[in-house]
Amino acid sequence: MTNYDKSVLEDLVNFNKPIEDLKKQVNKLSWDLDEDIELTTSILNKILDRYLKGEIASEHLEEWANLNESRECIKTSDIVKEAIYKLANPIIEGELNTDNIIKIKSNLIS
Protein backbone atom coordinates (compact mmCIF):
# COMPACT_ATOMS: atom_id res chain seq x y z
CA MET A 1 0.00 0.00 0.00
CA THR A 2 1.36 3.37 -0.92
CA ASN A 3 1.29 6.36 1.39
CA TYR A 4 -1.39 7.82 -0.86
CA ASP A 5 -3.57 4.71 -0.50
CA LYS A 6 -3.19 4.73 3.26
CA SER A 7 -3.92 8.46 3.45
CA VAL A 8 -7.10 8.06 1.37
CA LEU A 9 -8.31 5.18 3.54
CA GLU A 10 -7.56 7.07 6.75
CA ASP A 11 -9.48 10.07 5.40
CA LEU A 12 -12.36 7.74 4.53
CA VAL A 13 -12.47 5.93 7.86
CA ASN A 14 -12.34 9.22 9.76
CA PHE A 15 -14.67 11.07 7.34
CA ASN A 16 -12.06 13.82 7.04
CA LYS A 17 -13.24 15.22 3.70
CA PRO A 18 -16.51 15.94 1.92
CA ILE A 19 -18.18 12.76 0.67
CA GLU A 20 -17.73 13.68 -3.01
CA ASP A 21 -13.97 14.04 -2.53
CA LEU A 22 -13.81 10.76 -0.63
CA LYS A 23 -15.76 8.92 -3.33
CA LYS A 24 -13.44 10.20 -6.07
CA GLN A 25 -10.31 9.25 -4.15
CA VAL A 26 -11.56 5.85 -3.00
CA ASN A 27 -12.69 4.95 -6.51
CA LYS A 28 -9.08 5.41 -7.71
CA LEU A 29 -7.77 2.79 -5.25
CA SER A 30 -7.00 -0.79 -6.12
CA TRP A 31 -9.31 -3.41 -4.62
CA ASP A 32 -6.45 -5.63 -3.45
CA LEU A 33 -4.63 -3.40 -0.99
CA ASP A 34 -2.43 -5.43 1.32
CA GLU A 35 -2.59 -3.36 4.50
CA ASP A 36 -5.50 -3.05 6.85
CA ILE A 37 -6.99 0.14 8.27
CA GLU A 38 -9.23 -0.16 11.33
CA LEU A 39 -12.59 1.52 11.83
CA THR A 40 -12.98 1.45 15.60
CA THR A 41 -15.97 1.97 17.83
CA SER A 42 -14.43 5.26 18.97
CA ILE A 43 -14.09 6.56 15.40
CA LEU A 44 -17.64 5.52 14.54
CA ASN A 45 -19.00 7.21 17.68
CA LYS A 46 -17.26 10.47 16.72
CA ILE A 47 -18.80 10.32 13.24
CA LEU A 48 -22.26 9.58 14.63
CA ASP A 49 -21.84 12.51 17.03
CA ARG A 50 -21.04 14.73 14.05
CA TYR A 51 -24.28 13.57 12.44
CA LEU A 52 -26.24 14.34 15.62
CA LYS A 53 -24.71 17.84 15.71
CA GLY A 54 -25.89 18.43 12.14
CA GLU A 55 -22.39 18.40 10.65
CA ILE A 56 -23.12 15.40 8.37
CA ALA A 57 -26.27 14.91 6.31
CA SER A 58 -28.01 11.52 6.46
CA GLU A 59 -27.42 10.81 2.75
CA HIS A 60 -23.70 11.52 3.20
CA LEU A 61 -23.56 9.26 6.24
CA GLU A 62 -25.17 6.49 4.18
CA GLU A 63 -22.68 7.00 1.33
CA TRP A 64 -19.78 7.02 3.79
CA ALA A 65 -20.99 3.75 5.32
CA ASN A 66 -21.30 2.17 1.87
CA LEU A 67 -17.75 3.19 0.98
CA ASN A 68 -16.43 1.66 4.21
CA GLU A 69 -18.55 -1.48 3.90
CA SER A 70 -17.28 -2.22 0.40
CA ARG A 71 -13.56 -2.13 1.24
CA GLU A 72 -12.12 -5.40 2.55
CA CYS A 73 -8.99 -3.65 3.82
CA ILE A 74 -11.09 -1.70 6.36
CA LYS A 75 -11.29 -3.91 9.40
CA THR A 76 -13.91 -3.58 12.13
CA SER A 77 -15.29 -5.44 15.09
CA ASP A 78 -18.55 -7.32 14.60
CA ILE A 79 -20.51 -4.61 16.43
CA VAL A 80 -19.06 -1.86 14.21
CA LYS A 81 -19.68 -4.01 11.13
CA GLU A 82 -23.34 -4.33 12.15
CA ALA A 83 -23.64 -0.57 12.70
CA ILE A 84 -22.04 0.18 9.32
CA TYR A 85 -24.49 -2.22 7.68
CA LYS A 86 -27.42 -0.39 9.29
CA LEU A 87 -26.06 2.97 8.18
CA ALA A 88 -25.44 1.74 4.63
CA ASN A 89 -28.90 0.18 4.25
CA PRO A 90 -31.53 2.58 5.61
CA ILE A 91 -34.26 1.20 3.33
CA ILE A 92 -33.88 -2.20 5.01
CA GLU A 93 -32.77 -1.13 8.50
CA GLY A 94 -34.71 2.10 9.02
CA GLU A 95 -34.10 5.67 7.93
CA LEU A 96 -31.15 7.60 9.24
CA ASN A 97 -32.59 9.97 11.78
CA THR A 98 -31.72 11.11 15.28
CA ASP A 99 -33.63 8.30 17.02
CA ASN A 100 -32.06 5.52 14.94
CA ILE A 101 -28.56 6.98 15.24
CA ILE A 102 -28.96 7.15 19.02
CA LYS A 103 -30.01 3.47 18.98
CA ILE A 104 -26.98 2.55 16.90
CA LYS A 105 -24.74 4.48 19.31
CA SER A 106 -26.26 2.70 22.32
CA ASN A 107 -25.63 -0.67 20.66
CA LEU A 108 -21.96 0.25 20.28
CA ILE A 109 -21.70 0.70 24.06
CA SER A 110 -23.48 -2.49 25.12
C-alpha atoms as a PDB file:
ATOM      1  CA  MET A   1       0.000   0.000   0.000  1.00  0.00           C
ATOM      2  CA  THR A   2       1.356   3.374  -0.921  1.00  0.00           C
ATOM      3  CA  ASN A   3       1.292   6.360   1.394  1.00  0.00           C
ATOM      4  CA  TYR A   4      -1.390   7.824  -0.865  1.00  0.00           C
ATOM      5  CA  ASP A   5      -3.574   4.705  -0.501  1.00  0.00           C
ATOM      6  CA  LYS A   6      -3.191   4.731   3.260  1.00  0.00           C
ATOM      7  CA  SER A   7      -3.921   8.456   3.448  1.00  0.00           C
ATOM      8  CA  VAL A   8      -7.101   8.057   1.373  1.00  0.00           C
ATOM      9  CA  LEU A   9      -8.311   5.179   3.539  1.00  0.00           C
ATOM     10  CA  GLU A  10      -7.558   7.068   6.746  1.00  0.00           C
ATOM     11  CA  ASP A  11      -9.480  10.066   5.403  1.00  0.00           C
ATOM     12  CA  LEU A  12     -12.355   7.737   4.529  1.00  0.00           C
ATOM     13  CA  VAL A  13     -12.470   5.931   7.861  1.00  0.00           C
ATOM     14  CA  ASN A  14     -12.339   9.224   9.761  1.00  0.00           C
ATOM     15  CA  PHE A  15     -14.668  11.068   7.336  1.00  0.00           C
ATOM     16  CA  ASN A  16     -12.058  13.825   7.043  1.00  0.00           C
ATOM     17  CA  LYS A  17     -13.237  15.218   3.695  1.00  0.00           C
ATOM     18  CA  PRO A  18     -16.510  15.944   1.918  1.00  0.00           C
ATOM     19  CA  ILE A  19     -18.182  12.759   0.670  1.00  0.00           C
ATOM     20  CA  GLU A  20     -17.730  13.675  -3.011  1.00  0.00           C
ATOM     21  CA  ASP A  21     -13.968  14.038  -2.530  1.00  0.00           C
ATOM     22  CA  LEU A  22     -13.807  10.763  -0.628  1.00  0.00           C
ATOM     23  CA  LYS A  23     -15.757   8.921  -3.335  1.00  0.00           C
ATOM     24  CA  LYS A  24     -13.443  10.203  -6.073  1.00  0.00           C
ATOM     25  CA  GLN A  25     -10.312   9.249  -4.151  1.00  0.00           C
ATOM     26  CA  VAL A  26     -11.556   5.845  -2.999  1.00  0.00           C
ATOM     27  CA  ASN A  27     -12.688   4.947  -6.513  1.00  0.00           C
ATOM     28  CA  LYS A  28      -9.084   5.411  -7.711  1.00  0.00           C
ATOM     29  CA  LEU A  29      -7.767   2.792  -5.253  1.00  0.00           C
ATOM     30  CA  SER A  30      -7.000  -0.792  -6.116  1.00  0.00           C
ATOM     31  CA  TRP A  31      -9.312  -3.407  -4.616  1.00  0.00           C
ATOM     32  CA  ASP A  32      -6.452  -5.632  -3.451  1.00  0.00           C
ATOM     33  CA  LEU A  33      -4.633  -3.401  -0.992  1.00  0.00           C
ATOM     34  CA  ASP A  34      -2.427  -5.429   1.323  1.00  0.00           C
ATOM     35  CA  GLU A  35      -2.590  -3.357   4.499  1.00  0.00           C
ATOM     36  CA  ASP A  36      -5.502  -3.050   6.851  1.00  0.00           C
ATOM     37  CA  ILE A  37      -6.995   0.136   8.272  1.00  0.00           C
ATOM     38  CA  GLU A  38      -9.235  -0.160  11.328  1.00  0.00           C
ATOM     39  CA  LEU A  39     -12.588   1.519  11.826  1.00  0.00           C
ATOM     40  CA  THR A  40     -12.975   1.445  15.600  1.00  0.00           C
ATOM     41  CA  THR A  41     -15.972   1.975  17.832  1.00  0.00           C
ATOM     42  CA  SER A  42     -14.426   5.259  18.971  1.00  0.00           C
ATOM     43  CA  ILE A  43     -14.091   6.558  15.401  1.00  0.00           C
ATOM     44  CA  LEU A  44     -17.641   5.519  14.543  1.00  0.00           C
ATOM     45  CA  ASN A  45     -18.999   7.211  17.679  1.00  0.00           C
ATOM     46  CA  LYS A  46     -17.262  10.469  16.723  1.00  0.00           C
ATOM     47  CA  ILE A  47     -18.800  10.325  13.244  1.00  0.00           C
ATOM     48  CA  LEU A  48     -22.259   9.580  14.632  1.00  0.00           C
ATOM     49  CA  ASP A  49     -21.845  12.511  17.031  1.00  0.00           C
ATOM     50  CA  ARG A  50     -21.035  14.734  14.047  1.00  0.00           C
ATOM     51  CA  TYR A  51     -24.282  13.571  12.439  1.00  0.00           C
ATOM     52  CA  LEU A  52     -26.244  14.336  15.619  1.00  0.00           C
ATOM     53  CA  LYS A  53     -24.713  17.844  15.711  1.00  0.00           C
ATOM     54  CA  GLY A  54     -25.891  18.431  12.140  1.00  0.00           C
ATOM     55  CA  GLU A  55     -22.392  18.397  10.654  1.00  0.00           C
ATOM     56  CA  ILE A  56     -23.119  15.400   8.373  1.00  0.00           C
ATOM     57  CA  ALA A  57     -26.269  14.906   6.309  1.00  0.00           C
ATOM     58  CA  SER A  58     -28.011  11.519   6.459  1.00  0.00           C
ATOM     59  CA  GLU A  59     -27.420  10.815   2.747  1.00  0.00           C
ATOM     60  CA  HIS A  60     -23.698  11.524   3.199  1.00  0.00           C
ATOM     61  CA  LEU A  61     -23.557   9.255   6.240  1.00  0.00           C
ATOM     62  CA  GLU A  62     -25.170   6.492   4.179  1.00  0.00           C
ATOM     63  CA  GLU A  63     -22.684   6.998   1.328  1.00  0.00           C
ATOM     64  CA  TRP A  64     -19.784   7.020   3.788  1.00  0.00           C
ATOM     65  CA  ALA A  65     -20.990   3.747   5.319  1.00  0.00           C
ATOM     66  CA  ASN A  66     -21.300   2.171   1.872  1.00  0.00           C
ATOM     67  CA  LEU A  67     -17.750   3.185   0.983  1.00  0.00           C
ATOM     68  CA  ASN A  68     -16.428   1.658   4.208  1.00  0.00           C
ATOM     69  CA  GLU A  69     -18.545  -1.475   3.904  1.00  0.00           C
ATOM     70  CA  SER A  70     -17.277  -2.215   0.404  1.00  0.00           C
ATOM     71  CA  ARG A  71     -13.558  -2.126   1.245  1.00  0.00           C
ATOM     72  CA  GLU A  72     -12.124  -5.401   2.552  1.00  0.00           C
ATOM     73  CA  CYS A  73      -8.992  -3.652   3.816  1.00  0.00           C
ATOM     74  CA  ILE A  74     -11.089  -1.703   6.359  1.00  0.00           C
ATOM     75  CA  LYS A  75     -11.294  -3.915   9.403  1.00  0.00           C
ATOM     76  CA  THR A  76     -13.911  -3.584  12.127  1.00  0.00           C
ATOM     77  CA  SER A  77     -15.285  -5.444  15.087  1.00  0.00           C
ATOM     78  CA  ASP A  78     -18.554  -7.321  14.599  1.00  0.00           C
ATOM     79  CA  ILE A  79     -20.513  -4.611  16.431  1.00  0.00           C
ATOM     80  CA  VAL A  80     -19.063  -1.861  14.208  1.00  0.00           C
ATOM     81  CA  LYS A  81     -19.682  -4.006  11.127  1.00  0.00           C
ATOM     82  CA  GLU A  82     -23.341  -4.329  12.152  1.00  0.00           C
ATOM     83  CA  ALA A  83     -23.636  -0.568  12.696  1.00  0.00           C
ATOM     84  CA  ILE A  84     -22.044   0.184   9.320  1.00  0.00           C
ATOM     85  CA  TYR A  85     -24.486  -2.225   7.676  1.00  0.00           C
ATOM     86  CA  LYS A  86     -27.423  -0.388   9.291  1.00  0.00           C
ATOM     87  CA  LEU A  87     -26.061   2.968   8.177  1.00  0.00           C
ATOM     88  CA  ALA A  88     -25.441   1.737   4.634  1.00  0.00           C
ATOM     89  CA  ASN A  89     -28.898   0.184   4.254  1.00  0.00           C
ATOM     90  CA  PRO A  90     -31.535   2.582   5.605  1.00  0.00           C
ATOM     91  CA  ILE A  91     -34.261   1.196   3.328  1.00  0.00           C
ATOM     92  CA  ILE A  92     -33.876  -2.199   5.014  1.00  0.00           C
ATOM     93  CA  GLU A  93     -32.767  -1.126   8.498  1.00  0.00           C
ATOM     94  CA  GLY A  94     -34.709   2.098   9.025  1.00  0.00           C
ATOM     95  CA  GLU A  95     -34.103   5.665   7.935  1.00  0.00           C
ATOM     96  CA  LEU A  96     -31.148   7.596   9.239  1.00  0.00           C
ATOM     97  CA  ASN A  97     -32.591   9.972  11.781  1.00  0.00           C
ATOM     98  CA  THR A  98     -31.720  11.106  15.280  1.00  0.00           C
ATOM     99  CA  ASP A  99     -33.631   8.301  17.025  1.00  0.00           C
ATOM    100  CA  ASN A 100     -32.056   5.522  14.937  1.00  0.00           C
ATOM    101  CA  ILE A 101     -28.564   6.979  15.238  1.00  0.00           C
ATOM    102  CA  ILE A 102     -28.955   7.148  19.018  1.00  0.00           C
ATOM    103  CA  LYS A 103     -30.012   3.467  18.983  1.00  0.00           C
ATOM    104  CA  ILE A 104     -26.976   2.551  16.899  1.00  0.00           C
ATOM    105  CA  LYS A 105     -24.738   4.481  19.311  1.00  0.00           C
ATOM    106  CA  SER A 106     -26.261   2.702  22.319  1.00  0.00           C
ATOM    107  CA  ASN A 107     -25.631  -0.670  20.662  1.00  0.00           C
ATOM    108  CA  LEU A 108     -21.955   0.250  20.282  1.00  0.00           C
ATOM    109  CA  ILE A 109     -21.701   0.699  24.061  1.00  0.00           C
ATOM    110  CA  SER A 110     -23.480  -2.488  25.124  1.00  0.00           C
END
